[in-house]
Each structure stands twice: as structure tokens, then as C-alpha cells.
Amino acid sequence: MAGYRAYIVGHDGHFKRSEEFEAADDASAVRRAEDFAAADPVELWEGARRIGVIASRGEVVAAK
């Protein structure tokens, strides 16, 4: 299991808050981060590695 962090991004582009969690792999982490992306985009990171940006509708819009 790896440690991931989901940064919830506000409409102004600034981080509103973050959520830390563990997941077996990137795909599992993306599915988990989608839960945080109900209203705002989420940047997903594993340590210093950016996994991607998840749009509010759950679609990964940018990766690595």
C-alpha cells in the first residue's frame, strides 16, 4: 500500500484542503480521490509524484 494525498482545489485555484489515504495502486487511488471531487477538482499525489487532476465529474483531466 502506498500513501496518497488528494488536494481539493477551489474555484480560485488555491488548495482548500487535503485528504491523506492509502491505496494499492494508482488506479485504486484515482477511484478513491473521485469521492473528494464531488464539487471541486482534485489534484492527486503520491509523495512528490503527481498522479493527475480529477475534474469534479470524476474524469482524470491531466496525468503525470
PDB file of N, CA and C in Angstrom:
ATOM      1  N   MET A   1       0.854  -1.179   0.000  1.00  0.00           N
ATOM      2  CA  MET A   1       0.000   0.000   0.000  1.00  0.00           C
ATOM      3  C   MET A   1       0.897   1.238   0.000  1.00  0.00           C
ATOM      4  N   ALA A   2       0.516   2.179  -0.801  1.00  0.00           N
ATOM      5  CA  ALA A   2       1.259   3.439  -0.897  1.00  0.00           C
ATOM      6  C   ALA A   2       0.419   4.562  -0.312  1.00  0.00           C
ATOM      7  N   GLY A   3       1.093   5.593   0.168  1.00  0.00           N
ATOM      8  CA  GLY A   3       0.418   6.760   0.715  1.00  0.00           C
ATOM      9  C   GLY A   3       0.127   7.787  -0.364  1.00  0.00           C
ATOM     10  N   TYR A   4      -1.101   8.256  -0.425  1.00  0.00           N
ATOM     11  CA  TYR A   4      -1.542   9.248  -1.408  1.00  0.00           C
ATOM     12  C   TYR A   4      -2.124  10.447  -0.685  1.00  0.00           C
ATOM     13  N   ARG A   5      -2.145  11.566  -1.389  1.00  0.00           N
ATOM     14  CA  ARG A   5      -2.771  12.777  -0.867  1.00  0.00           C
ATOM     15  C   ARG A   5      -3.609  13.396  -1.975  1.00  0.00           C
ATOM     16  N   ALA A   6      -4.858  13.711  -1.639  1.00  0.00           N
ATOM     17  CA  ALA A   6      -5.776  14.375  -2.561  1.00  0.00           C
ATOM     18  C   ALA A   6      -5.919  15.820  -2.107  1.00  0.00           C
ATOM     19  N   TYR A   7      -5.575  16.752  -2.990  1.00  0.00           N
ATOM     20  CA  TYR A   7      -5.715  18.178  -2.699  1.00  0.00           C
ATOM     21  C   TYR A   7      -6.967  18.689  -3.397  1.00  0.00           C
ATOM     22  N   ILE A   8      -7.930  19.156  -2.635  1.00  0.00           N
ATOM     23  CA  ILE A   8      -9.165  19.703  -3.194  1.00  0.00           C
ATOM     24  C   ILE A   8      -8.888  21.149  -3.573  1.00  0.00           C
ATOM     25  N   VAL A   9      -9.145  21.495  -4.844  1.00  0.00           N
ATOM     26  CA  VAL A   9      -8.799  22.804  -5.400  1.00  0.00           C
ATOM     27  C   VAL A   9     -10.060  23.658  -5.534  1.00  0.00           C
ATOM     28  N   GLY A  10     -10.017  24.854  -4.971  1.00  0.00           N
ATOM     29  CA  GLY A  10     -11.150  25.773  -5.066  1.00  0.00           C
ATOM     30  C   GLY A  10     -11.227  26.449  -6.420  1.00  0.00           C
ATOM     31  N   HIS A  11     -12.298  27.175  -6.647  1.00  0.00           N
ATOM     32  CA  HIS A  11     -12.508  27.874  -7.917  1.00  0.00           C
ATOM     33  C   HIS A  11     -11.446  28.936  -8.180  1.00  0.00           C
ATOM     34  N   ASP A  12     -10.780  29.394  -7.113  1.00  0.00           N
ATOM     35  CA  ASP A  12      -9.728  30.392  -7.274  1.00  0.00           C
ATOM     36  C   ASP A  12      -8.365  29.763  -7.578  1.00  0.00           C
ATOM     37  N   GLY A  13      -8.323  28.419  -7.650  1.00  0.00           N
ATOM     38  CA  GLY A  13      -7.081  27.729  -7.957  1.00  0.00           C
ATOM     39  C   GLY A  13      -6.228  27.394  -6.748  1.00  0.00           C
ATOM     40  N   HIS A  14      -6.647  27.792  -5.569  1.00  0.00           N
ATOM     41  CA  HIS A  14      -5.901  27.504  -4.344  1.00  0.00           C
ATOM     42  C   HIS A  14      -6.431  26.230  -3.690  1.00  0.00           C
ATOM     43  N   PHE A  15      -5.541  25.537  -2.988  1.00  0.00           N
ATOM     44  CA  PHE A  15      -5.957  24.339  -2.272  1.00  0.00           C
ATOM     45  C   PHE A  15      -6.888  24.717  -1.131  1.00  0.00           C
ATOM     46  N   LYS A  16      -8.014  24.021  -1.038  1.00  0.00           N
ATOM     47  CA  LYS A  16      -8.972  24.241   0.043  1.00  0.00           C
ATOM     48  C   LYS A  16      -8.651  23.352   1.244  1.00  0.00           C
ATOM     49  N   ARG A  17      -8.304  22.109   0.946  1.00  0.00           N
ATOM     50  CA  ARG A  17      -7.948  21.162   1.995  1.00  0.00           C
ATOM     51  C   ARG A  17      -7.285  19.953   1.348  1.00  0.00           C
ATOM     52  N   SER A  18      -6.786  19.050   2.164  1.00  0.00           N
ATOM     53  CA  SER A  18      -6.198  17.823   1.629  1.00  0.00           C
ATOM     54  C   SER A  18      -6.699  16.628   2.434  1.00  0.00           C
ATOM     55  N   GLU A  19      -6.659  15.482   1.803  1.00  0.00           N
ATOM     56  CA  GLU A  19      -7.053  14.221   2.419  1.00  0.00           C
ATOM     57  C   GLU A  19      -5.944  13.216   2.157  1.00  0.00           C
ATOM     58  N   GLU A  20      -5.455  12.565   3.207  1.00  0.00           N
ATOM     59  CA  GLU A  20      -4.440  11.534   3.069  1.00  0.00           C
ATOM     60  C   GLU A  20      -5.099  10.167   3.165  1.00  0.00           C
ATOM     61  N   PHE A  21      -4.612   9.218   2.345  1.00  0.00           N
ATOM     62  CA  PHE A  21      -5.134   7.865   2.391  1.00  0.00           C
ATOM     63  C   PHE A  21      -4.135   6.914   1.755  1.00  0.00           C
ATOM     64  N   GLU A  22      -4.350   5.624   1.941  1.00  0.00           N
ATOM     65  CA  GLU A  22      -3.502   4.609   1.329  1.00  0.00           C
ATOM     66  C   GLU A  22      -4.310   3.858   0.288  1.00  0.00           C
ATOM     67  N   ALA A  23      -3.614   3.416  -0.753  1.00  0.00           N
ATOM     68  CA  ALA A  23      -4.248   2.641  -1.819  1.00  0.00           C
ATOM     69  C   ALA A  23      -3.230   1.647  -2.377  1.00  0.00           C
ATOM     70  N   ALA A  24      -3.734   0.582  -2.969  1.00  0.00           N
ATOM     71  CA  ALA A  24      -2.871  -0.471  -3.506  1.00  0.00           C
ATOM     72  C   ALA A  24      -2.099  -0.019  -4.733  1.00  0.00           C
ATOM     73  N   ASP A  25      -2.709   0.863  -5.558  1.00  0.00           N
ATOM     74  CA  ASP A  25      -2.062   1.326  -6.786  1.00  0.00           C
ATOM     75  C   ASP A  25      -2.718   2.630  -7.235  1.00  0.00           C
ATOM     76  N   ASP A  26      -2.193   3.206  -8.324  1.00  0.00           N
ATOM     77  CA  ASP A  26      -2.699   4.492  -8.812  1.00  0.00           C
ATOM     78  C   ASP A  26      -4.171   4.417  -9.196  1.00  0.00           C
ATOM     79  N   ALA A  27      -4.575   3.334  -9.851  1.00  0.00           N
ATOM     80  CA  ALA A  27      -5.971   3.219 -10.289  1.00  0.00           C
ATOM     81  C   ALA A  27      -6.917   3.216  -9.088  1.00  0.00           C
ATOM     82  N   SER A  28      -6.537   2.511  -8.042  1.00  0.00           N
ATOM     83  CA  SER A  28      -7.354   2.491  -6.823  1.00  0.00           C
ATOM     84  C   SER A  28      -7.382   3.871  -6.176  1.00  0.00           C
ATOM     85  N   ALA A  29      -6.242   4.553  -6.206  1.00  0.00           N
ATOM     86  CA  ALA A  29      -6.166   5.891  -5.619  1.00  0.00           C
ATOM     87  C   ALA A  29      -7.048   6.874  -6.387  1.00  0.00           C
ATOM     88  N   VAL A  30      -7.075   6.766  -7.716  1.00  0.00           N
ATOM     89  CA  VAL A  30      -7.932   7.645  -8.525  1.00  0.00           C
ATOM     90  C   VAL A  30      -9.389   7.408  -8.161  1.00  0.00           C
ATOM     91  N   ARG A  31      -9.785   6.143  -8.044  1.00  0.00           N
ATOM     92  CA  ARG A  31     -11.179   5.849  -7.678  1.00  0.00           C
ATOM     93  C   ARG A  31     -11.522   6.436  -6.319  1.00  0.00           C
ATOM     94  N   ARG A  32     -10.601   6.333  -5.388  1.00  0.00           N
ATOM     95  CA  ARG A  32     -10.833   6.890  -4.043  1.00  0.00           C
ATOM     96  C   ARG A  32     -10.905   8.417  -4.093  1.00  0.00           C
ATOM     97  N   ALA A  33     -10.017   9.042  -4.858  1.00  0.00           N
ATOM     98  CA  ALA A  33      -9.983  10.507  -4.952  1.00  0.00           C
ATOM     99  C   ALA A  33     -11.234  11.060  -5.620  1.00  0.00           C
ATOM    100  N   GLU A  34     -11.869  10.264  -6.472  1.00  0.00           N
ATOM    101  CA  GLU A  34     -13.111  10.717  -7.112  1.00  0.00           C
ATOM    102  C   GLU A  34     -14.177  11.055  -6.072  1.00  0.00           C
ATOM    103  N   ASP A  35     -14.131  10.394  -4.923  1.00  0.00           N
ATOM    104  CA  ASP A  35     -15.079  10.696  -3.844  1.00  0.00           C
ATOM    105  C   ASP A  35     -14.923  12.133  -3.348  1.00  0.00           C
ATOM    106  N   PHE A  36     -13.707  12.656  -3.411  1.00  0.00           N
ATOM    107  CA  PHE A  36     -13.443  14.019  -2.951  1.00  0.00           C
ATOM    108  C   PHE A  36     -13.760  15.063  -4.024  1.00  0.00           C
ATOM    109  N   ALA A  37     -13.992  14.617  -5.244  1.00  0.00           N
ATOM    110  CA  ALA A  37     -14.167  15.528  -6.378  1.00  0.00           C
ATOM    111  C   ALA A  37     -15.642  15.791  -6.691  1.00  0.00           C
ATOM    112  N   ALA A  38     -16.491  15.730  -5.704  1.00  0.00           N
ATOM    113  CA  ALA A  38     -17.927  15.931  -5.932  1.00  0.00           C
ATOM    114  C   ALA A  38     -18.231  17.332  -6.452  1.00  0.00           C
ATOM    115  N   ALA A  39     -17.589  18.338  -5.894  1.00  0.00           N
ATOM    116  CA  ALA A  39     -17.893  19.721  -6.281  1.00  0.00           C
ATOM    117  C   ALA A  39     -16.691  20.464  -6.838  1.00  0.00           C
ATOM    118  N   ASP A  40     -15.496  20.042  -6.491  1.00  0.00           N
ATOM    119  CA  ASP A  40     -14.277  20.752  -6.885  1.00  0.00           C
ATOM    120  C   ASP A  40     -13.265  19.774  -7.478  1.00  0.00           C
ATOM    121  N   PRO A  41     -12.391  20.253  -8.349  1.00  0.00           N
ATOM    122  CA  PRO A  41     -11.318  19.398  -8.875  1.00  0.00           C
ATOM    123  C   PRO A  41     -10.376  18.957  -7.754  1.00  0.00           C
ATOM    124  N   VAL A  42      -9.696  17.844  -7.990  1.00  0.00           N
ATOM    125  CA  VAL A  42      -8.767  17.278  -7.013  1.00  0.00           C
ATOM    126  C   VAL A  42      -7.448  16.988  -7.708  1.00  0.00           C
ATOM    127  N   GLU A  43      -6.346  17.419  -7.095  1.00  0.00           N
ATOM    128  CA  GLU A  43      -5.010  17.012  -7.551  1.00  0.00           C
ATOM    129  C   GLU A  43      -4.607  15.821  -6.705  1.00  0.00           C
ATOM    130  N   LEU A  44      -4.194  14.751  -7.356  1.00  0.00           N
ATOM    131  CA  LEU A  44      -3.816  13.531  -6.661  1.00  0.00           C
ATOM    132  C   LEU A  44      -2.311  13.335  -6.739  1.00  0.00           C
ATOM    133  N   TRP A  45      -1.693  13.112  -5.579  1.00  0.00           N
ATOM    134  CA  TRP A  45      -0.246  12.951  -5.483  1.00  0.00           C
ATOM    135  C   TRP A  45       0.089  11.690  -4.688  1.00  0.00           C
ATOM    136  N   GLU A  46       1.199  11.068  -5.068  1.00  0.00           N
ATOM    137  CA  GLU A  46       1.805  10.014  -4.267  1.00  0.00           C
ATOM    138  C   GLU A  46       3.213  10.507  -3.953  1.00  0.00           C
ATOM    139  N   GLY A  47       3.414  10.976  -2.747  1.00  0.00           N
ATOM    140  CA  GLY A  47       4.681  11.606  -2.399  1.00  0.00           C
ATOM    141  C   GLY A  47       4.908  12.834  -3.267  1.00  0.00           C
ATOM    142  N   ALA A  48       6.058  12.898  -3.942  1.00  0.00           N
ATOM    143  CA  ALA A  48       6.388  14.031  -4.813  1.00  0.00           C
ATOM    144  C   ALA A  48       5.938  13.801  -6.259  1.00  0.00           C
ATOM    145  N   ARG A  49       5.250  12.678  -6.515  1.00  0.00           N
ATOM    146  CA  ARG A  49       4.811  12.333  -7.872  1.00  0.00           C
ATOM    147  C   ARG A  49       3.342  12.697  -8.058  1.00  0.00           C
ATOM    148  N   ARG A  50       3.097  13.560  -9.021  1.00  0.00           N
ATOM    149  CA  ARG A  50       1.721  13.965  -9.325  1.00  0.00           C
ATOM    150  C   ARG A  50       1.079  12.895 -10.202  1.00  0.00           C
ATOM    151  N   ILE A  51      -0.035  12.370  -9.738  1.00  0.00           N
ATOM    152  CA  ILE A  51      -0.761  11.344 -10.484  1.00  0.00           C
ATOM    153  C   ILE A  51      -1.635  12.003 -11.542  1.00  0.00           C
ATOM    154  N   GLY A  52      -2.353  13.057 -11.165  1.00  0.00           N
ATOM    155  CA  GLY A  52      -3.205  13.743 -12.122  1.00  0.00           C
ATOM    156  C   GLY A  52      -4.193  14.653 -11.439  1.00  0.00           C
ATOM    157  N   VAL A  53      -5.041  15.267 -12.262  1.00  0.00           N
ATOM    158  CA  VAL A  53      -6.111  16.138 -11.780  1.00  0.00           C
ATOM    159  C   VAL A  53      -7.427  15.470 -12.140  1.00  0.00           C
ATOM    160  N   ILE A  54      -8.304  15.367 -11.167  1.00  0.00           N
ATOM    161  CA  ILE A  54      -9.607  14.753 -11.371  1.00  0.00           C
ATOM    162  C   ILE A  54     -10.646  15.866 -11.364  1.00  0.00           C
ATOM    163  N   ALA A  55     -11.382  15.975 -12.456  1.00  0.00           N
ATOM    164  CA  ALA A  55     -12.413  17.009 -12.558  1.00  0.00           C
ATOM    165  C   ALA A  55     -13.557  16.681 -11.606  1.00  0.00           C
ATOM    166  N   SER A  56     -14.387  17.641 -11.366  1.00  0.00           N
ATOM    167  CA  SER A  56     -15.470  17.452 -10.410  1.00  0.00           C
ATOM    168  C   SER A  56     -16.419  16.331 -10.816  1.00  0.00           C
ATOM    169  N   ARG A  57     -16.444  15.967 -12.075  1.00  0.00           N
ATOM    170  CA  ARG A  57     -17.305  14.868 -12.501  1.00  0.00           C
ATOM    171  C   ARG A  57     -16.593  13.523 -12.454  1.00  0.00           C
ATOM    172  N   GLY A  58     -15.371  13.484 -11.907  1.00  0.00           N
ATOM    173  CA  GLY A  58     -14.656  12.245 -11.735  1.00  0.00           C
ATOM    174  C   GLY A  58     -13.725  11.846 -12.862  1.00  0.00           C
ATOM    175  N   GLU A  59     -13.630  12.651 -13.901  1.00  0.00           N
ATOM    176  CA  GLU A  59     -12.786  12.354 -15.051  1.00  0.00           C
ATOM    177  C   GLU A  59     -11.359  12.851 -14.787  1.00  0.00           C
ATOM    178  N   VAL A  60     -10.355  12.004 -15.044  1.00  0.00           N
ATOM    179  CA  VAL A  60      -8.970  12.431 -14.919  1.00  0.00           C
ATOM    180  C   VAL A  60      -8.670  13.309 -16.127  1.00  0.00           C
ATOM    181  N   VAL A  61      -8.344  14.583 -15.875  1.00  0.00           N
ATOM    182  CA  VAL A  61      -8.137  15.531 -16.972  1.00  0.00           C
ATOM    183  C   VAL A  61      -6.672  15.818 -17.250  1.00  0.00           C
ATOM    184  N   ALA A  62      -5.799  15.424 -16.350  1.00  0.00           N
ATOM    185  CA  ALA A  62      -4.361  15.611 -16.569  1.00  0.00           C
ATOM    186  C   ALA A  62      -3.652  14.517 -15.792  1.00  0.00           C
ATOM    187  N   ALA A  63      -2.615  14.008 -16.370  1.00  0.00           N
ATOM    188  CA  ALA A  63      -1.873  12.958 -15.683  1.00  0.00           C
ATOM    189  C   ALA A  63      -0.388  13.209 -15.800  1.00  0.00           C
ATOM    190  N   LYS A  64       0.337  12.660 -14.854  1.00  0.00           N
ATOM    191  CA  LYS A  64       1.802  12.700 -14.797  1.00  0.00           C
ATOM    192  C   LYS A  64       2.316  13.811 -15.616  1.00  0.00           C
TER     193      LYS A  64
END
